[in-house]
PDB file of all heavy atoms in Angstrom:
ATOM      1  N   GLY A   1      20.989   0.288  10.236  1.00  0.00           N
ATOM      2  CA  GLY A   1      19.777  -0.409  10.660  1.00  0.00           C
ATOM      3  C   GLY A   1      18.981   0.414  11.643  1.00  0.00           C
ATOM      4  O   GLY A   1      17.758   0.551  11.513  1.00  0.00           O
ATOM      5  N   GLU A   2      19.668   0.982  12.637  1.00  0.00           N
ATOM      6  CA  GLU A   2      18.992   1.816  13.631  1.00  0.00           C
ATOM      7  C   GLU A   2      18.385   3.048  12.977  1.00  0.00           C
ATOM      8  O   GLU A   2      17.238   3.419  13.267  1.00  0.00           O
ATOM      9  CB  GLU A   2      19.973   2.216  14.732  1.00  0.00           C
ATOM     10  CG  GLU A   2      20.387   1.051  15.602  1.00  0.00           C
ATOM     11  CD  GLU A   2      21.525   1.377  16.555  1.00  0.00           C
ATOM     12  OE1 GLU A   2      21.994   2.542  16.572  1.00  0.00           O
ATOM     13  OE2 GLU A   2      21.941   0.464  17.282  1.00  0.00           O
ATOM     14  N   GLU A   3      19.144   3.660  12.085  1.00  0.00           N
ATOM     15  CA  GLU A   3      18.679   4.882  11.416  1.00  0.00           C
ATOM     16  C   GLU A   3      17.436   4.621  10.565  1.00  0.00           C
ATOM     17  O   GLU A   3      16.441   5.356  10.640  1.00  0.00           O
ATOM     18  CB  GLU A   3      19.798   5.426  10.538  1.00  0.00           C
ATOM     19  CG  GLU A   3      19.448   6.646   9.743  1.00  0.00           C
ATOM     20  CD  GLU A   3      20.561   7.036   8.785  1.00  0.00           C
ATOM     21  OE1 GLU A   3      21.748   6.917   9.151  1.00  0.00           O
ATOM     22  OE2 GLU A   3      20.234   7.453   7.657  1.00  0.00           O
ATOM     23  N   LEU A   4      17.481   3.567   9.748  1.00  0.00           N
ATOM     24  CA  LEU A   4      16.356   3.303   8.847  1.00  0.00           C
ATOM     25  C   LEU A   4      15.139   2.760   9.585  1.00  0.00           C
ATOM     26  O   LEU A   4      13.997   3.062   9.207  1.00  0.00           O
ATOM     27  CB  LEU A   4      16.776   2.362   7.720  1.00  0.00           C
ATOM     28  CG  LEU A   4      17.822   2.917   6.753  1.00  0.00           C
ATOM     29  CD1 LEU A   4      18.056   1.955   5.603  1.00  0.00           C
ATOM     30  CD2 LEU A   4      17.434   4.280   6.235  1.00  0.00           C
ATOM     31  N   ALA A   5      15.348   1.967  10.632  1.00  0.00           N
ATOM     32  CA  ALA A   5      14.217   1.491  11.433  1.00  0.00           C
ATOM     33  C   ALA A   5      13.505   2.675  12.068  1.00  0.00           C
ATOM     34  O   ALA A   5      12.266   2.776  12.014  1.00  0.00           O
ATOM     35  CB  ALA A   5      14.695   0.510  12.499  1.00  0.00           C
ATOM     36  N   GLN A   6      14.273   3.582  12.636  1.00  0.00           N
ATOM     37  CA  GLN A   6      13.680   4.779  13.258  1.00  0.00           C
ATOM     38  C   GLN A   6      12.957   5.624  12.218  1.00  0.00           C
ATOM     39  O   GLN A   6      11.855   6.119  12.463  1.00  0.00           O
ATOM     40  CB  GLN A   6      14.766   5.604  13.963  1.00  0.00           C
ATOM     41  CG  GLN A   6      14.229   6.813  14.678  1.00  0.00           C
ATOM     42  CD  GLN A   6      13.290   6.454  15.816  1.00  0.00           C
ATOM     43  OE1 GLN A   6      13.470   5.456  16.509  1.00  0.00           O
ATOM     44  NE2 GLN A   6      12.257   7.252  16.005  1.00  0.00           N
ATOM     45  N   ALA A   7      13.565   5.786  11.046  1.00  0.00           N
ATOM     46  CA  ALA A   7      12.944   6.598   9.982  1.00  0.00           C
ATOM     47  C   ALA A   7      11.639   5.969   9.503  1.00  0.00           C
ATOM     48  O   ALA A   7      10.639   6.677   9.304  1.00  0.00           O
ATOM     49  CB  ALA A   7      13.913   6.768   8.820  1.00  0.00           C
ATOM     50  N   ALA A   8      11.633   4.652   9.327  1.00  0.00           N
ATOM     51  CA  ALA A   8      10.417   3.976   8.859  1.00  0.00           C
ATOM     52  C   ALA A   8       9.301   4.090   9.898  1.00  0.00           C
ATOM     53  O   ALA A   8       8.136   4.318   9.550  1.00  0.00           O
ATOM     54  CB  ALA A   8      10.705   2.511   8.543  1.00  0.00           C
ATOM     55  N   LEU A   9       9.654   3.959  11.170  1.00  0.00           N
ATOM     56  CA  LEU A   9       8.631   4.111  12.211  1.00  0.00           C
ATOM     57  C   LEU A   9       8.173   5.559  12.307  1.00  0.00           C
ATOM     58  O   LEU A   9       7.010   5.831  12.628  1.00  0.00           O
ATOM     59  CB  LEU A   9       9.162   3.588  13.548  1.00  0.00           C
ATOM     60  CG  LEU A   9       9.369   2.069  13.573  1.00  0.00           C
ATOM     61  CD1 LEU A   9      10.080   1.644  14.846  1.00  0.00           C
ATOM     62  CD2 LEU A   9       8.075   1.318  13.375  1.00  0.00           C
ATOM     63  N   GLY A  10       9.051   6.496  12.005  1.00  0.00           N
ATOM     64  CA  GLY A  10       8.649   7.901  11.914  1.00  0.00           C
ATOM     65  C   GLY A  10       7.683   8.118  10.761  1.00  0.00           C
ATOM     66  O   GLY A  10       6.708   8.871  10.883  1.00  0.00           O
ATOM     67  N   ASP A  11       7.960   7.452   9.623  1.00  0.00           N
ATOM     68  CA  ASP A  11       7.035   7.521   8.489  1.00  0.00           C
ATOM     69  C   ASP A  11       5.666   6.981   8.892  1.00  0.00           C
ATOM     70  O   ASP A  11       4.631   7.544   8.524  1.00  0.00           O
ATOM     71  CB  ASP A  11       7.562   6.704   7.302  1.00  0.00           C
ATOM     72  CG  ASP A  11       8.846   7.248   6.707  1.00  0.00           C
ATOM     73  OD1 ASP A  11       9.183   8.427   6.941  1.00  0.00           O
ATOM     74  OD2 ASP A  11       9.532   6.469   5.992  1.00  0.00           O
ATOM     75  N   LEU A  12       5.685   5.890   9.660  1.00  0.00           N
ATOM     76  CA  LEU A  12       4.432   5.296  10.132  1.00  0.00           C
ATOM     77  C   LEU A  12       3.670   6.276  11.024  1.00  0.00           C
ATOM     78  O   LEU A  12       2.442   6.379  10.922  1.00  0.00           O
ATOM     79  CB  LEU A  12       4.708   3.995  10.880  1.00  0.00           C
ATOM     80  CG  LEU A  12       3.495   3.266  11.441  1.00  0.00           C
ATOM     81  CD1 LEU A  12       2.560   2.822  10.309  1.00  0.00           C
ATOM     82  CD2 LEU A  12       3.938   2.077  12.282  1.00  0.00           C
ATOM     83  N   ALA A  13       4.387   7.000  11.865  1.00  0.00           N
ATOM     84  CA  ALA A  13       3.739   7.974  12.746  1.00  0.00           C
ATOM     85  C   ALA A  13       2.956   8.999  11.927  1.00  0.00           C
ATOM     86  O   ALA A  13       1.877   9.435  12.340  1.00  0.00           O
ATOM     87  CB  ALA A  13       4.779   8.671  13.622  1.00  0.00           C
ATOM     88  N   MET A  14       3.507   9.357  10.784  1.00  0.00           N
ATOM     89  CA  MET A  14       2.862  10.361   9.936  1.00  0.00           C
ATOM     90  C   MET A  14       1.540   9.872   9.342  1.00  0.00           C
ATOM     91  O   MET A  14       0.686  10.678   8.986  1.00  0.00           O
ATOM     92  CB  MET A  14       3.801  10.791   8.811  1.00  0.00           C
ATOM     93  CG  MET A  14       5.121  11.379   9.304  1.00  0.00           C
ATOM     94  SD  MET A  14       4.904  12.812  10.356  1.00  0.00           S
ATOM     95  CE  MET A  14       4.370  13.995   9.158  1.00  0.00           C
ATOM     96  N   VAL A  15       1.388   8.552   9.221  1.00  0.00           N
ATOM     97  CA  VAL A  15       0.176   7.984   8.619  1.00  0.00           C
ATOM     98  C   VAL A  15      -0.540   7.033   9.591  1.00  0.00           C
ATOM     99  O   VAL A  15      -1.293   6.163   9.167  1.00  0.00           O
ATOM    100  CB  VAL A  15       0.494   7.261   7.280  1.00  0.00           C
ATOM    101  CG1 VAL A  15       1.022   8.244   6.247  1.00  0.00           C
ATOM    102  CG2 VAL A  15       1.474   6.110   7.482  1.00  0.00           C
ATOM    103  N   TRP A  16      -0.286   7.210  10.895  1.00  0.00           N
ATOM    104  CA  TRP A  16      -0.803   6.276  11.890  1.00  0.00           C
ATOM    105  C   TRP A  16      -2.317   6.100  11.819  1.00  0.00           C
ATOM    106  O   TRP A  16      -2.822   4.982  11.858  1.00  0.00           O
ATOM    107  CB  TRP A  16      -0.371   6.689  13.286  1.00  0.00           C
ATOM    108  CG  TRP A  16      -0.832   5.747  14.346  1.00  0.00           C
ATOM    109  CD1 TRP A  16      -1.672   6.006  15.380  1.00  0.00           C
ATOM    110  CD2 TRP A  16      -0.490   4.351  14.467  1.00  0.00           C
ATOM    111  NE1 TRP A  16      -1.877   4.878  16.131  1.00  0.00           N
ATOM    112  CE2 TRP A  16      -1.152   3.842  15.593  1.00  0.00           C
ATOM    113  CE3 TRP A  16       0.314   3.482  13.723  1.00  0.00           C
ATOM    114  CZ2 TRP A  16      -1.051   2.524  16.006  1.00  0.00           C
ATOM    115  CZ3 TRP A  16       0.416   2.158  14.137  1.00  0.00           C
ATOM    116  CH2 TRP A  16      -0.256   1.688  15.261  1.00  0.00           C
ATOM    117  N   SER A  17      -3.057   7.182  11.698  1.00  0.00           N
ATOM    118  CA  SER A  17      -4.522   7.040  11.665  1.00  0.00           C
ATOM    119  C   SER A  17      -4.958   6.266  10.422  1.00  0.00           C
ATOM    120  O   SER A  17      -5.886   5.452  10.485  1.00  0.00           O
ATOM    121  CB  SER A  17      -5.221   8.399  11.731  1.00  0.00           C
ATOM    122  OG  SER A  17      -4.850   9.203  10.644  1.00  0.00           O
ATOM    123  N   GLU A  18      -4.290   6.475   9.304  1.00  0.00           N
ATOM    124  CA  GLU A  18      -4.589   5.700   8.086  1.00  0.00           C
ATOM    125  C   GLU A  18      -4.196   4.237   8.267  1.00  0.00           C
ATOM    126  O   GLU A  18      -4.901   3.333   7.808  1.00  0.00           O
ATOM    127  CB  GLU A  18      -3.842   6.286   6.895  1.00  0.00           C
ATOM    128  CG  GLU A  18      -4.269   7.694   6.531  1.00  0.00           C
ATOM    129  CD  GLU A  18      -3.272   8.356   5.589  1.00  0.00           C
ATOM    130  OE1 GLU A  18      -2.769   7.685   4.673  1.00  0.00           O
ATOM    131  OE2 GLU A  18      -2.995   9.556   5.807  1.00  0.00           O
ATOM    132  N   ALA A  19      -3.067   4.010   8.932  1.00  0.00           N
ATOM    133  CA  ALA A  19      -2.603   2.635   9.161  1.00  0.00           C
ATOM    134  C   ALA A  19      -3.633   1.849   9.958  1.00  0.00           C
ATOM    135  O   ALA A  19      -3.903   0.685   9.658  1.00  0.00           O
ATOM    136  CB  ALA A  19      -1.256   2.638   9.880  1.00  0.00           C
ATOM    137  N   LEU A  20      -4.213   2.501  10.958  1.00  0.00           N
ATOM    138  CA  LEU A  20      -5.211   1.818  11.786  1.00  0.00           C
ATOM    139  C   LEU A  20      -6.462   1.450  11.006  1.00  0.00           C
ATOM    140  O   LEU A  20      -7.172   0.520  11.368  1.00  0.00           O
ATOM    141  CB  LEU A  20      -5.591   2.688  12.989  1.00  0.00           C
ATOM    142  CG  LEU A  20      -4.507   2.849  14.039  1.00  0.00           C
ATOM    143  CD1 LEU A  20      -4.971   3.804  15.126  1.00  0.00           C
ATOM    144  CD2 LEU A  20      -4.111   1.501  14.628  1.00  0.00           C
ATOM    145  N   GLN A  21      -6.727   2.167   9.944  1.00  0.00           N
ATOM    146  CA  GLN A  21      -7.895   1.881   9.117  1.00  0.00           C
ATOM    147  C   GLN A  21      -7.575   0.928   7.968  1.00  0.00           C
ATOM    148  O   GLN A  21      -8.479   0.491   7.259  1.00  0.00           O
ATOM    149  CB  GLN A  21      -8.475   3.186   8.576  1.00  0.00           C
ATOM    150  CG  GLN A  21      -9.009   4.073   9.676  1.00  0.00           C
ATOM    151  CD  GLN A  21      -9.421   5.451   9.177  1.00  0.00           C
ATOM    152  OE1 GLN A  21      -9.468   5.700   7.988  1.00  0.00           O
ATOM    153  NE2 GLN A  21      -9.724   6.334  10.103  1.00  0.00           N
ATOM    154  N   SER A  22      -6.309   0.606   7.786  1.00  0.00           N
ATOM    155  CA  SER A  22      -5.908  -0.277   6.693  1.00  0.00           C
ATOM    156  C   SER A  22      -6.182  -1.733   7.063  1.00  0.00           C
ATOM    157  O   SER A  22      -6.423  -2.061   8.221  1.00  0.00           O
ATOM    158  CB  SER A  22      -4.423  -0.097   6.373  1.00  0.00           C
ATOM    159  OG  SER A  22      -3.621  -0.661   7.394  1.00  0.00           O
ATOM    160  N   ALA A  23      -6.115  -2.587   6.064  1.00  0.00           N
ATOM    161  CA  ALA A  23      -6.321  -4.022   6.296  1.00  0.00           C
ATOM    162  C   ALA A  23      -5.244  -4.596   7.218  1.00  0.00           C
ATOM    163  O   ALA A  23      -5.508  -5.512   7.987  1.00  0.00           O
ATOM    164  CB  ALA A  23      -6.327  -4.767   4.967  1.00  0.00           C
ATOM    165  N   SER A  24      -4.020  -4.042   7.131  1.00  0.00           N
ATOM    166  CA  SER A  24      -2.929  -4.548   7.951  1.00  0.00           C
ATOM    167  C   SER A  24      -1.916  -3.446   8.248  1.00  0.00           C
ATOM    168  O   SER A  24      -1.050  -3.159   7.417  1.00  0.00           O
ATOM    169  CB  SER A  24      -2.227  -5.714   7.252  1.00  0.00           C
ATOM    170  OG  SER A  24      -1.097  -6.124   7.995  1.00  0.00           O
ATOM    171  N   PRO A  25      -1.999  -2.849   9.438  1.00  0.00           N
ATOM    172  CA  PRO A  25      -1.000  -1.848   9.807  1.00  0.00           C
ATOM    173  C   PRO A  25       0.429  -2.403   9.757  1.00  0.00           C
ATOM    174  O   PRO A  25       1.361  -1.705   9.375  1.00  0.00           O
ATOM    175  CB  PRO A  25      -1.386  -1.458  11.231  1.00  0.00           C
ATOM    176  CG  PRO A  25      -2.851  -1.736  11.306  1.00  0.00           C
ATOM    177  CD  PRO A  25      -3.051  -2.967  10.442  1.00  0.00           C
ATOM    178  N   ALA A  26       0.593  -3.684  10.100  1.00  0.00           N
ATOM    179  CA  ALA A  26       1.920  -4.297  10.069  1.00  0.00           C
ATOM    180  C   ALA A  26       2.466  -4.348   8.647  1.00  0.00           C
ATOM    181  O   ALA A  26       3.647  -4.077   8.413  1.00  0.00           O
ATOM    182  CB  ALA A  26       1.876  -5.695  10.679  1.00  0.00           C
ATOM    183  N   ALA A  27       1.621  -4.704   7.694  1.00  0.00           N
ATOM    184  CA  ALA A  27       2.065  -4.757   6.291  1.00  0.00           C
ATOM    185  C   ALA A  27       2.431  -3.358   5.798  1.00  0.00           C
ATOM    186  O   ALA A  27       3.427  -3.179   5.087  1.00  0.00           O
ATOM    187  CB  ALA A  27       0.978  -5.367   5.410  1.00  0.00           C
ATOM    188  N   LEU A  28       1.651  -2.370   6.181  1.00  0.00           N
ATOM    189  CA  LEU A  28       1.958  -0.995   5.808  1.00  0.00           C
ATOM    190  C   LEU A  28       3.301  -0.568   6.395  1.00  0.00           C
ATOM    191  O   LEU A  28       4.149  -0.006   5.696  1.00  0.00           O
ATOM    192  CB  LEU A  28       0.854  -0.045   6.282  1.00  0.00           C
ATOM    193  CG  LEU A  28       1.115   1.431   6.007  1.00  0.00           C
ATOM    194  CD1 LEU A  28       0.848   1.735   4.541  1.00  0.00           C
ATOM    195  CD2 LEU A  28       0.259   2.299   6.884  1.00  0.00           C
ATOM    196  N   ALA A  29       3.523  -0.867   7.664  1.00  0.00           N
ATOM    197  CA  ALA A  29       4.787  -0.518   8.312  1.00  0.00           C
ATOM    198  C   ALA A  29       5.959  -1.230   7.635  1.00  0.00           C
ATOM    199  O   ALA A  29       7.018  -0.632   7.420  1.00  0.00           O
ATOM    200  CB  ALA A  29       4.730  -0.882   9.796  1.00  0.00           C
ATOM    201  N   TRP A  30       5.772  -2.500   7.291  1.00  0.00           N
ATOM    202  CA  TRP A  30       6.837  -3.251   6.624  1.00  0.00           C
ATOM    203  C   TRP A  30       7.156  -2.630   5.265  1.00  0.00           C
ATOM    204  O   TRP A  30       8.331  -2.509   4.887  1.00  0.00           O
ATOM    205  CB  TRP A  30       6.453  -4.717   6.467  1.00  0.00           C
ATOM    206  CG  TRP A  30       7.620  -5.522   6.000  1.00  0.00           C
ATOM    207  CD1 TRP A  30       7.865  -5.970   4.741  1.00  0.00           C
ATOM    208  CD2 TRP A  30       8.729  -5.933   6.792  1.00  0.00           C
ATOM    209  NE1 TRP A  30       9.067  -6.631   4.702  1.00  0.00           N
ATOM    210  CE2 TRP A  30       9.608  -6.626   5.949  1.00  0.00           C
ATOM    211  CE3 TRP A  30       9.063  -5.776   8.143  1.00  0.00           C
ATOM    212  CZ2 TRP A  30      10.821  -7.170   6.408  1.00  0.00           C
ATOM    213  CZ3 TRP A  30      10.262  -6.315   8.598  1.00  0.00           C
ATOM    214  CH2 TRP A  30      11.115  -7.001   7.732  1.00  0.00           C
ATOM    215  N   ASN A  31       6.156  -2.217   4.541  1.00  0.00           N
ATOM    216  CA  ASN A  31       6.384  -1.582   3.237  1.00  0.00           C
ATOM    217  C   ASN A  31       7.112  -0.244   3.390  1.00  0.00           C
ATOM    218  O   ASN A  31       7.923   0.118   2.530  1.00  0.00           O
ATOM    219  CB  ASN A  31       5.082  -1.423   2.467  1.00  0.00           C
ATOM    220  CG  ASN A  31       4.610  -2.751   1.908  1.00  0.00           C
ATOM    221  OD1 ASN A  31       5.410  -3.624   1.587  1.00  0.00           O
ATOM    222  ND2 ASN A  31       3.313  -2.915   1.810  1.00  0.00           N
ATOM    223  N   LEU A  32       6.844   0.475   4.459  1.00  0.00           N
ATOM    224  CA  LEU A  32       7.577   1.715   4.723  1.00  0.00           C
ATOM    225  C   LEU A  32       9.050   1.412   4.984  1.00  0.00           C
ATOM    226  O   LEU A  32       9.938   2.139   4.512  1.00  0.00           O
ATOM    227  CB  LEU A  32       6.962   2.468   5.900  1.00  0.00           C
ATOM    228  CG  LEU A  32       5.567   3.051   5.660  1.00  0.00           C
ATOM    229  CD1 LEU A  32       4.959   3.548   6.972  1.00  0.00           C
ATOM    230  CD2 LEU A  32       5.613   4.160   4.623  1.00  0.00           C
ATOM    231  N   LEU A  33       9.316   0.331   5.720  1.00  0.00           N
ATOM    232  CA  LEU A  33      10.701  -0.078   5.973  1.00  0.00           C
ATOM    233  C   LEU A  33      11.378  -0.477   4.664  1.00  0.00           C
ATOM    234  O   LEU A  33      12.510  -0.067   4.383  1.00  0.00           O
ATOM    235  CB  LEU A  33      10.741  -1.224   6.983  1.00  0.00           C
ATOM    236  CG  LEU A  33      12.136  -1.716   7.362  1.00  0.00           C
ATOM    237  CD1 LEU A  33      12.926  -0.629   8.084  1.00  0.00           C
ATOM    238  CD2 LEU A  33      12.036  -2.970   8.219  1.00  0.00           C
ATOM    239  N   ARG A  34      10.692  -1.263   3.852  1.00  0.00           N
ATOM    240  CA  ARG A  34      11.233  -1.657   2.546  1.00  0.00           C
ATOM    241  C   ARG A  34      11.576  -0.437   1.691  1.00  0.00           C
ATOM    242  O   ARG A  34      12.595  -0.417   1.015  1.00  0.00           O
ATOM    243  CB  ARG A  34      10.209  -2.482   1.771  1.00  0.00           C
ATOM    244  CG  ARG A  34      10.211  -3.925   2.035  1.00  0.00           C
ATOM    245  CD  ARG A  34       9.230  -4.535   1.060  1.00  0.00           C
ATOM    246  NE  ARG A  34       9.148  -5.954   1.226  1.00  0.00           N
ATOM    247  CZ  ARG A  34       8.216  -6.695   0.657  1.00  0.00           C
ATOM    248  NH1 ARG A  34       7.287  -6.129  -0.106  1.00  0.00           N
ATOM    249  NH2 ARG A  34       8.190  -7.992   0.841  1.00  0.00           N
ATOM    250  N   SER A  35      10.703   0.557   1.707  1.00  0.00           N
ATOM    251  CA  SER A  35      10.939   1.773   0.926  1.00  0.00           C
ATOM    252  C   SER A  35      12.191   2.488   1.408  1.00  0.00           C
ATOM    253  O   SER A  35      12.972   2.996   0.595  1.00  0.00           O
ATOM    254  CB  SER A  35       9.742   2.721   1.026  1.00  0.00           C
ATOM    255  OG  SER A  35       8.624   2.142   0.421  1.00  0.00           O
ATOM    256  N   ARG A  36      12.379   2.553   2.697  1.00  0.00           N
ATOM    257  CA  ARG A  36      13.579   3.181   3.255  1.00  0.00           C
ATOM    258  C   ARG A  36      14.836   2.422   2.836  1.00  0.00           C
ATOM    259  O   ARG A  36      15.847   3.023   2.492  1.00  0.00           O
ATOM    260  CB  ARG A  36      13.494   3.254   4.783  1.00  0.00           C
ATOM    261  CG  ARG A  36      12.550   4.310   5.282  1.00  0.00           C
ATOM    262  CD  ARG A  36      13.137   5.677   5.047  1.00  0.00           C
ATOM    263  NE  ARG A  36      12.252   6.723   5.528  1.00  0.00           N
ATOM    264  CZ  ARG A  36      12.649   7.958   5.725  1.00  0.00           C
ATOM    265  NH1 ARG A  36      13.905   8.306   5.493  1.00  0.00           N
ATOM    266  NH2 ARG A  36      11.793   8.861   6.129  1.00  0.00           N
ATOM    267  N   ILE A  37      14.763   1.093   2.843  1.00  0.00           N
ATOM    268  CA  ILE A  37      15.914   0.281   2.433  1.00  0.00           C
ATOM    269  C   ILE A  37      16.204   0.499   0.954  1.00  0.00           C
ATOM    270  O   ILE A  37      17.352   0.691   0.555  1.00  0.00           O
ATOM    271  CB  ILE A  37      15.670  -1.215   2.736  1.00  0.00           C
ATOM    272  CG1 ILE A  37      15.615  -1.443   4.241  1.00  0.00           C
ATOM    273  CG2 ILE A  37      16.736  -2.086   2.087  1.00  0.00           C
ATOM    274  CD1 ILE A  37      15.107  -2.810   4.644  1.00  0.00           C
ATOM    275  N   ALA A  38      15.176   0.465   0.143  1.00  0.00           N
ATOM    276  CA  ALA A  38      15.353   0.643  -1.306  1.00  0.00           C
ATOM    277  C   ALA A  38      15.975   1.997  -1.619  1.00  0.00           C
ATOM    278  O   ALA A  38      16.837   2.105  -2.496  1.00  0.00           O
ATOM    279  CB  ALA A  38      14.018   0.493  -2.028  1.00  0.00           C
ATOM    280  N   ALA A  39      15.556   3.020  -0.898  1.00  0.00           N
ATOM    281  CA  ALA A  39      16.092   4.359  -1.138  1.00  0.00           C
ATOM    282  C   ALA A  39      17.564   4.459  -0.738  1.00  0.00           C
ATOM    283  O   ALA A  39      18.312   5.250  -1.309  1.00  0.00           O
ATOM    284  CB  ALA A  39      15.276   5.389  -0.366  1.00  0.00           C
ATOM    285  N   ARG A  40      18.007   3.638   0.207  1.00  0.00           N
ATOM    286  CA  ARG A  40      19.376   3.707   0.709  1.00  0.00           C
ATOM    287  C   ARG A  40      20.298   2.657   0.095  1.00  0.00           C
ATOM    288  O   ARG A  40      21.502   2.791   0.125  1.00  0.00           O
ATOM    289  CB  ARG A  40      19.343   3.532   2.218  1.00  0.00           C
ATOM    290  CG  ARG A  40      20.618   3.835   2.912  1.00  0.00           C
ATOM    291  CD  ARG A  40      21.188   5.218   2.621  1.00  0.00           C
ATOM    292  NE  ARG A  40      20.689   6.265   3.455  1.00  0.00           N
ATOM    293  CZ  ARG A  40      21.153   6.569   4.657  1.00  0.00           C
ATOM    294  NH1 ARG A  40      22.114   5.880   5.185  1.00  0.00           N
ATOM    295  NH2 ARG A  40      20.630   7.561   5.329  1.00  0.00           N
ATOM    296  N   SER A  41      19.701   1.626  -0.497  1.00  0.00           N
ATOM    297  CA  SER A  41      20.500   0.523  -1.040  1.00  0.00           C
ATOM    298  C   SER A  41      21.285   0.967  -2.265  1.00  0.00           C
ATOM    299  O   SER A  41      20.770   1.645  -3.141  1.00  0.00           O
ATOM    300  CB  SER A  41      19.591  -0.653  -1.409  1.00  0.00           C
ATOM    301  OG  SER A  41      20.352  -1.710  -1.931  1.00  0.00           O
ATOM    302  N   SER A  42      22.532   0.541  -2.323  1.00  0.00           N
ATOM    303  CA  SER A  42      23.389   0.912  -3.451  1.00  0.00           C
ATOM    304  C   SER A  42      23.198  -0.011  -4.652  1.00  0.00           C
ATOM    305  O   SER A  42      23.667   0.283  -5.732  1.00  0.00           O
ATOM    306  CB  SER A  42      24.853   0.891  -3.015  1.00  0.00           C
ATOM    307  OG  SER A  42      25.204  -0.404  -2.577  1.00  0.00           O
ATOM    308  N   CYS A  43      22.509  -1.103  -4.454  1.00  0.00           N
ATOM    309  CA  CYS A  43      22.305  -2.061  -5.548  1.00  0.00           C
ATOM    310  C   CYS A  43      20.816  -2.156  -5.852  1.00  0.00           C
ATOM    311  O   CYS A  43      20.042  -2.643  -5.035  1.00  0.00           O
ATOM    312  CB  CYS A  43      22.853  -3.435  -5.146  1.00  0.00           C
ATOM    313  SG  CYS A  43      22.649  -4.700  -6.390  1.00  0.00           S
ATOM    314  N   SER A  44      20.411  -1.718  -7.007  1.00  0.00           N
ATOM    315  CA  SER A  44      18.981  -1.650  -7.327  1.00  0.00           C
ATOM    316  C   SER A  44      18.318  -3.027  -7.365  1.00  0.00           C
ATOM    317  O   SER A  44      17.138  -3.149  -7.088  1.00  0.00           O
ATOM    318  CB  SER A  44      18.765  -0.933  -8.649  1.00  0.00           C
ATOM    319  OG  SER A  44      19.386  -1.622  -9.702  1.00  0.00           O
TER     320      SER A  44
END
């Protein structure tokens, strides 16, 4: 949990200026977290 939360927030840092221009930076950040979970999850 700590590893993937940190990684997702790191992903957000890479697109922070785009996130601020998006309709919802929170939704973008949540989708980055979901992507990290999906990539690590053993059950598709």
